[in-house]
Amino acid sequence: MINILGNISLGLAAVLYLFLPFIANPGPGRGESTMGTAFGIAFVLIPLWLFLATGLCVAAFNGGLDWITDSRGLQYLLIVVTCLSLLVVTWMSGAISNEPSDQVPWAAKPFLHWAIYVFPIVVLVVAVLAVNGSSKDGYSPLVLRVPLGVVGAASLLACAGMLGQWFLSSQEMHAKQVEGLISREDALKREDLVLIDALDAVNDLGRLLPLGNRYKDMEVRARAIAKIRSNPKLEEDLASMLSGRWSVEALIYLDAEDAPDNSKLAGPVRDAIVNTATFVRSLMHTETTIRPQDFEWETRLVLSAADKFGGYDVDLVPAVQEFRGAFDEPRRDSPKIEAAATVDRWLAKAVKQK
């Protein structure tokens, strides 16, 4: 009964093999045509190798492949792995034969054009002999061992080579991406340093302040902070900016650095938090799409300022509550802002400490 299953599988594999000359090794093409051909070849090769693998498994079940190893489980595993590698090699042989040479893996190049025809028929003949005959019937074991061993080893080596090439290519691509990122960061750093040198500490303070934020390059930060501190009326200007149009820039700076006297900026910081709440409220009304992760950056700035300046005479909790209320502005989509939970936890802790 098991031999019947093996022969049926091998018969179906033989039928599918007859279709290969009509779909394999297409002429030059592009786009949808080439992709369609590749899918067509896969549509035939996948069941073809499935049927061949089934035939080989039947042969292994009957002891026809005991020359490979005494372990049945290992025989089945080798059959599956080898047939998968043969599927890959034969698909490439038929689907990418006419691709430019630089787009073909080097390990697949020796098999282009011909392997799709030779490998299946070799395995088919060996499988038929293994299922229906034995050495006692006059078949030398070499008839089975040599062709199957050569074909299987070649496909396994080819797949190993392609995996190795893919790994090396991915490493090289990653290295280039890192190099490009470093190059862009160096270019931005140079631009920032040139900009800092060109800005005036008094007249251009609003543009200088963000360059001193905690996420800038250390050299950029150091130079920006040194220039900002050279402003003879820095505290007064920061107070003015916190209460006006430069409130966000001032909060960015104060998130990373202290003012000459933080106690004198508690009131302006409250104004800056209220200004930020107004800004968020306006976005809730004007933006077409509000995502749950929006306003995390504004929330971090507001809570950082509230923590730093909340220990002085000015009560910042009402301002933070106003900021939290901005997330509840009515909208048609009623987004659930994730940052709201962060503000709620801060408020609960602040109210409890009062």
Protein backbone atom coordinates (compact mmCIF):
# COMPACT_ATOMS: atom_id res chain seq x y z
CA MET A 1 0.00 0.00 0.00
CA ILE A 2 2.80 2.39 0.87
CA ASN A 3 4.44 1.65 -2.49
CA ILE A 4 1.24 2.67 -4.25
CA LEU A 5 1.39 6.06 -2.52
CA GLY A 6 5.03 6.43 -3.56
CA ASN A 7 4.34 5.54 -7.19
CA ILE A 8 1.32 7.84 -7.41
CA SER A 9 3.43 10.71 -6.04
CA LEU A 10 6.24 9.99 -8.48
CA GLY A 11 3.75 9.73 -11.36
CA LEU A 12 2.32 13.15 -10.50
CA ALA A 13 5.86 14.51 -10.26
CA ALA A 14 6.58 13.15 -13.76
CA VAL A 15 3.45 14.87 -15.13
CA LEU A 16 4.46 18.18 -13.58
CA TYR A 17 7.99 17.80 -14.95
CA LEU A 18 6.56 17.81 -18.48
CA PHE A 19 5.34 21.38 -17.96
CA LEU A 20 8.78 22.79 -17.06
CA PRO A 21 10.04 23.37 -20.64
CA PHE A 22 7.04 25.61 -21.29
CA ILE A 23 7.57 27.95 -18.34
CA ALA A 24 11.26 27.85 -17.42
CA ASN A 25 14.11 30.09 -18.65
CA PRO A 26 11.99 32.92 -20.04
CA GLY A 27 13.40 35.46 -22.44
CA PRO A 28 14.25 38.99 -21.38
CA GLY A 29 11.34 40.60 -19.60
CA ARG A 30 10.50 43.11 -16.97
CA GLY A 31 7.99 44.03 -14.33
CA GLU A 32 4.79 42.02 -14.10
CA SER A 33 5.82 39.63 -16.88
CA THR A 34 8.99 38.51 -15.12
CA MET A 35 7.22 38.25 -11.78
CA GLY A 36 4.43 36.23 -13.34
CA THR A 37 6.94 33.79 -14.82
CA ALA A 38 8.66 33.38 -11.45
CA PHE A 39 5.33 32.64 -9.77
CA GLY A 40 4.43 30.21 -12.55
CA ILE A 41 7.65 28.25 -12.08
CA ALA A 42 7.11 28.15 -8.33
CA PHE A 43 3.53 26.97 -8.90
CA VAL A 44 4.91 23.89 -10.70
CA LEU A 45 8.09 23.30 -8.72
CA ILE A 46 6.55 23.39 -5.24
CA PRO A 47 4.18 20.44 -5.79
CA LEU A 48 6.80 18.71 -7.97
CA TRP A 49 9.34 18.60 -5.14
CA LEU A 50 6.62 17.77 -2.65
CA PHE A 51 5.73 14.67 -4.66
CA LEU A 52 9.41 13.75 -5.11
CA ALA A 53 10.01 14.15 -1.37
CA THR A 54 6.99 11.90 -0.71
CA GLY A 55 8.43 9.25 -3.04
CA LEU A 56 11.81 9.41 -1.32
CA CYS A 57 10.14 9.14 2.09
CA VAL A 58 8.33 5.99 0.91
CA ALA A 59 11.67 4.59 -0.26
CA ALA A 60 13.16 5.41 3.14
CA PHE A 61 10.22 3.74 4.89
CA ASN A 62 10.89 0.56 2.91
CA GLY A 63 14.60 0.65 3.73
CA GLY A 64 15.65 1.76 0.28
CA LEU A 65 17.75 4.61 1.65
CA ASP A 66 19.39 2.82 4.57
CA TRP A 67 22.74 3.39 2.88
CA ILE A 68 22.45 7.04 3.96
CA THR A 69 22.03 6.34 7.69
CA ASP A 70 20.39 3.77 9.95
CA SER A 71 18.13 6.38 11.55
CA ARG A 72 14.74 6.70 9.85
CA GLY A 73 14.12 10.08 11.45
CA LEU A 74 17.41 11.42 10.14
CA GLN A 75 16.63 10.03 6.69
CA TYR A 76 13.30 11.88 6.61
CA LEU A 77 14.96 15.08 7.83
CA LEU A 78 17.64 14.87 5.14
CA ILE A 79 15.00 14.26 2.49
CA VAL A 80 13.00 17.33 3.54
CA VAL A 81 16.03 19.64 3.81
CA THR A 82 17.56 18.42 0.55
CA CYS A 83 14.29 18.74 -1.38
CA LEU A 84 13.81 22.26 -0.05
CA SER A 85 17.31 23.20 -1.21
CA LEU A 86 16.62 21.57 -4.58
CA LEU A 87 13.42 23.60 -4.83
CA VAL A 88 15.38 26.81 -4.28
CA VAL A 89 18.16 25.94 -6.74
CA THR A 90 15.84 24.74 -9.50
CA TRP A 91 13.55 27.76 -9.06
CA MET A 92 16.52 30.09 -9.49
CA SER A 93 17.76 28.06 -12.42
CA GLY A 94 14.52 28.64 -14.26
CA ALA A 95 13.33 32.01 -12.98
CA ILE A 96 16.41 34.25 -12.90
CA SER A 97 18.54 32.85 -15.72
CA ASN A 98 18.16 36.01 -17.78
CA GLU A 99 18.62 38.49 -14.97
CA PRO A 100 21.72 40.74 -15.02
CA SER A 101 24.75 38.94 -13.65
CA ASP A 102 25.17 41.33 -10.73
CA GLN A 103 21.64 40.49 -9.53
CA VAL A 104 22.21 36.72 -9.43
CA PRO A 105 23.77 35.14 -6.31
CA TRP A 106 27.20 33.77 -7.17
CA ALA A 107 26.31 30.38 -5.67
CA ALA A 108 23.35 30.06 -8.05
CA LYS A 109 25.23 30.99 -11.25
CA PRO A 110 26.62 27.48 -11.98
CA PHE A 111 23.07 26.09 -12.04
CA LEU A 112 21.35 28.57 -14.32
CA HIS A 113 19.39 27.30 -17.35
CA TRP A 114 20.02 23.56 -16.87
CA ALA A 115 19.48 22.50 -13.24
CA ILE A 116 15.71 22.93 -13.45
CA TYR A 117 15.63 20.14 -16.05
CA VAL A 118 18.41 17.84 -14.77
CA PHE A 119 17.92 17.79 -10.99
CA PRO A 120 14.22 16.77 -10.96
CA ILE A 121 14.65 13.97 -13.50
CA VAL A 122 17.70 12.59 -11.64
CA VAL A 123 15.82 12.51 -8.34
CA LEU A 124 12.73 11.10 -10.05
CA VAL A 125 14.65 8.17 -11.58
CA VAL A 126 16.49 7.45 -8.31
CA ALA A 127 13.21 7.60 -6.37
CA VAL A 128 11.50 5.19 -8.79
CA LEU A 129 14.39 2.71 -8.44
CA ALA A 130 14.44 3.10 -4.65
CA VAL A 131 10.68 2.59 -4.30
CA ASN A 132 10.30 -0.31 -6.72
CA GLY A 133 13.67 -2.10 -6.63
CA SER A 134 16.60 -3.00 -4.42
CA SER A 135 20.15 -4.25 -4.75
CA LYS A 136 18.78 -7.80 -4.61
CA ASP A 137 16.88 -7.14 -7.84
CA GLY A 138 20.10 -6.23 -9.61
CA TYR A 139 20.33 -2.50 -8.87
CA SER A 140 23.80 -1.54 -7.65
CA PRO A 141 23.71 0.79 -4.65
CA LEU A 142 25.95 3.16 -6.64
CA VAL A 143 23.05 3.73 -9.04
CA LEU A 144 21.24 5.33 -6.14
CA ARG A 145 24.06 6.79 -4.12
CA VAL A 146 26.10 8.70 -6.68
CA PRO A 147 23.39 10.67 -8.54
CA LEU A 148 21.35 11.44 -5.44
CA GLY A 149 24.46 12.31 -3.43
CA VAL A 150 25.84 14.63 -6.13
CA VAL A 151 22.54 16.41 -6.73
CA GLY A 152 21.74 16.73 -3.03
CA ALA A 153 25.22 17.90 -2.04
CA ALA A 154 25.30 20.44 -4.90
CA SER A 155 21.96 21.94 -3.88
CA LEU A 156 22.86 22.08 -0.20
CA LEU A 157 26.20 23.76 -0.95
CA ALA A 158 24.50 26.24 -3.27
CA CYS A 159 21.93 27.19 -0.63
CA ALA A 160 24.65 27.47 2.01
CA GLY A 161 26.58 29.77 -0.32
CA MET A 162 23.52 31.91 -0.98
CA LEU A 163 22.81 32.19 2.74
CA GLY A 164 26.42 33.20 3.32
CA GLN A 165 26.26 35.79 0.56
CA TRP A 166 23.00 37.16 1.94
CA PHE A 167 24.53 37.44 5.40
CA LEU A 168 27.63 39.24 4.09
CA SER A 169 25.49 41.54 1.93
CA SER A 170 23.22 42.41 4.84
CA GLN A 171 26.26 43.17 7.01
CA GLU A 172 27.73 45.36 4.28
CA MET A 173 24.42 47.16 3.81
CA HIS A 174 24.12 47.72 7.55
CA ALA A 175 27.67 49.10 7.64
CA LYS A 176 26.85 51.50 4.80
CA GLN A 177 23.68 52.62 6.58
CA VAL A 178 25.64 53.28 9.77
CA GLU A 179 28.32 55.11 7.79
CA GLY A 180 25.67 57.21 6.07
CA LEU A 181 23.99 58.00 9.39
CA ILE A 182 27.30 59.05 10.93
CA SER A 183 28.05 61.16 7.88
CA ARG A 184 24.67 62.91 8.11
CA GLU A 185 25.13 63.48 11.85
CA ASP A 186 28.58 64.97 11.23
CA ALA A 187 27.14 67.25 8.57
CA LEU A 188 24.35 68.40 10.92
CA LYS A 189 26.89 68.93 13.68
CA ARG A 190 29.01 71.14 11.44
CA GLU A 191 25.93 73.10 10.39
CA ASP A 192 24.92 73.60 14.03
CA LEU A 193 28.41 74.79 15.00
CA VAL A 194 28.49 77.26 12.12
CA LEU A 195 25.02 78.49 13.08
CA ILE A 196 25.98 78.96 16.74
CA ASP A 197 29.01 81.02 15.75
CA ALA A 198 26.83 83.20 13.52
CA LEU A 199 24.07 83.86 16.08
CA ASP A 200 24.10 86.66 18.60
CA ALA A 201 23.55 85.76 22.27
CA VAL A 202 21.15 88.70 22.80
CA ASN A 203 19.35 89.29 19.52
CA ASP A 204 19.17 85.63 18.46
CA LEU A 205 18.62 84.00 21.86
CA GLY A 206 15.38 82.31 20.77
CA ARG A 207 17.23 80.45 18.02
CA LEU A 208 20.15 79.58 20.28
CA LEU A 209 18.12 78.03 23.10
CA PRO A 210 17.08 74.80 21.27
CA LEU A 211 20.72 74.18 20.32
CA GLY A 212 21.47 73.69 24.01
CA ASN A 213 18.94 70.89 24.50
CA ARG A 214 19.92 67.61 26.12
CA TYR A 215 19.74 65.60 22.90
CA LYS A 216 22.21 67.61 20.87
CA ASP A 217 25.81 66.54 20.25
CA MET A 218 27.96 67.30 23.29
CA GLU A 219 30.21 69.71 21.41
CA VAL A 220 27.20 71.52 19.94
CA ARG A 221 25.56 71.74 23.37
CA ALA A 222 28.68 73.01 25.06
CA ARG A 223 29.23 75.74 22.50
CA ALA A 224 25.56 76.76 22.46
CA ILE A 225 25.32 76.89 26.27
CA ALA A 226 28.53 78.91 26.53
CA LYS A 227 27.14 81.45 24.09
CA ILE A 228 23.71 81.54 25.77
CA ARG A 229 25.34 82.19 29.15
CA SER A 230 27.30 85.07 27.66
CA ASN A 231 24.00 86.97 27.45
CA PRO A 232 24.33 89.63 30.20
CA LYS A 233 20.58 89.66 30.87
CA LEU A 234 19.89 85.97 30.36
CA GLU A 235 17.49 85.60 33.30
CA GLU A 236 15.39 88.55 32.20
CA ASP A 237 15.29 87.38 28.59
CA LEU A 238 14.35 83.83 29.60
CA ALA A 239 11.46 85.17 31.69
CA SER A 240 10.25 87.21 28.74
CA MET A 241 10.51 84.27 26.36
CA LEU A 242 8.74 81.86 28.69
CA SER A 243 5.75 84.18 28.77
CA GLY A 244 5.79 84.91 25.04
CA ARG A 245 6.19 83.31 21.62
CA TRP A 246 9.50 81.62 22.48
CA SER A 247 8.07 79.69 25.43
CA VAL A 248 8.70 76.25 23.91
CA GLU A 249 12.31 77.09 23.06
CA ALA A 250 12.86 78.36 26.59
CA LEU A 251 11.37 75.18 28.08
CA ILE A 252 13.67 73.09 25.88
CA TYR A 253 16.68 74.92 27.27
CA LEU A 254 15.50 74.78 30.89
CA ASP A 255 14.78 71.07 30.54
CA ALA A 256 18.55 70.56 30.28
CA GLU A 257 20.08 73.60 32.00
CA ASP A 258 19.41 75.85 34.97
CA ALA A 259 18.88 79.58 34.85
CA PRO A 260 21.11 81.85 36.94
CA ASP A 261 18.28 81.87 39.50
CA ASN A 262 15.51 79.35 38.91
CA SER A 263 13.31 80.81 41.66
CA LYS A 264 12.73 83.96 39.60
CA LEU A 265 11.42 81.96 36.64
CA ALA A 266 8.70 79.92 38.37
CA GLY A 267 5.98 82.41 37.34
CA PRO A 268 7.09 82.61 33.69
CA VAL A 269 7.35 78.80 33.61
CA ARG A 270 3.68 78.65 34.67
CA ASP A 271 2.88 80.97 31.76
CA ALA A 272 4.88 78.72 29.41
CA ILE A 273 2.91 75.64 30.51
CA VAL A 274 -0.36 77.50 29.92
CA ASN A 275 0.93 78.59 26.48
CA THR A 276 1.76 74.96 25.70
CA ALA A 277 -1.77 73.95 26.75
CA THR A 278 -3.19 76.58 24.39
CA PHE A 279 -0.99 75.27 21.60
CA VAL A 280 -2.16 71.67 22.15
CA ARG A 281 -5.76 72.84 22.31
CA SER A 282 -5.41 74.57 18.95
CA LEU A 283 -3.92 71.43 17.39
CA MET A 284 -6.83 69.37 18.70
CA HIS A 285 -9.13 71.66 16.75
CA THR A 286 -7.11 72.11 13.57
CA GLU A 287 -5.24 68.87 12.91
CA THR A 288 -6.97 66.39 10.63
CA THR A 289 -5.45 63.39 12.39
CA ILE A 290 -4.41 63.07 16.01
CA ARG A 291 -2.56 59.88 16.90
CA PRO A 292 -2.53 58.29 20.38
CA GLN A 293 1.25 58.82 20.65
CA ASP A 294 1.08 62.54 19.83
CA PHE A 295 2.05 65.20 22.41
CA GLU A 296 4.55 62.97 24.22
CA TRP A 297 7.31 65.51 23.57
CA GLU A 298 5.23 68.44 24.86
CA THR A 299 4.23 66.40 27.91
CA ARG A 300 7.85 65.62 28.77
CA LEU A 301 8.77 69.32 28.55
CA VAL A 302 5.83 70.44 30.70
CA LEU A 303 6.39 67.86 33.43
CA SER A 304 10.15 68.44 33.44
CA ALA A 305 9.56 72.16 33.98
CA ALA A 306 6.90 71.48 36.64
CA ASP A 307 9.29 69.19 38.54
CA LYS A 308 12.18 71.66 38.37
CA PHE A 309 10.26 74.83 39.22
CA GLY A 310 7.43 73.44 41.35
CA GLY A 311 9.37 73.78 44.56
CA TYR A 312 9.16 77.56 44.63
CA ASP A 313 6.34 79.89 45.73
CA VAL A 314 4.32 79.54 42.51
CA ASP A 315 1.79 76.66 42.34
CA LEU A 316 2.21 74.95 38.97
CA VAL A 317 -0.44 72.28 39.47
CA PRO A 318 -3.31 74.38 38.01
CA ALA A 319 -1.22 75.06 34.90
CA VAL A 320 -0.48 71.33 34.48
CA GLN A 321 -4.20 70.62 34.96
CA GLU A 322 -4.98 73.06 32.18
CA PHE A 323 -2.43 71.30 30.00
CA ARG A 324 -4.08 67.96 30.80
CA GLY A 325 -7.50 69.41 29.94
CA ALA A 326 -6.29 70.24 26.44
CA PHE A 327 -6.23 66.51 25.64
CA ASP A 328 -10.00 66.36 26.26
CA GLU A 329 -10.92 68.97 23.67
CA PRO A 330 -13.91 67.65 21.70
CA ARG A 331 -13.11 66.10 18.34
CA ARG A 332 -15.05 63.97 15.92
CA ASP A 333 -12.62 61.02 16.27
CA SER A 334 -12.14 61.38 20.07
CA PRO A 335 -8.55 60.05 20.16
CA LYS A 336 -7.22 58.53 23.36
CA ILE A 337 -3.99 60.43 23.97
CA GLU A 338 -1.45 58.13 25.64
CA ALA A 339 0.37 61.07 27.25
CA ALA A 340 -2.78 61.88 29.25
CA ALA A 341 -2.12 58.93 31.56
CA THR A 342 1.39 60.25 32.26
CA VAL A 343 0.01 63.66 33.22
CA ASP A 344 -2.70 62.04 35.37
CA ARG A 345 -0.08 60.13 37.35
CA TRP A 346 1.95 63.31 37.87
CA LEU A 347 -1.13 65.24 39.02
CA ALA A 348 -2.20 62.47 41.42
CA LYS A 349 1.23 62.48 43.00
CA ALA A 350 1.40 66.30 43.17
CA VAL A 351 -2.06 66.62 44.76
CA LYS A 352 -1.19 63.92 47.30
CA GLN A 353 1.98 65.77 48.32
CA LYS A 354 0.15 69.04 48.96
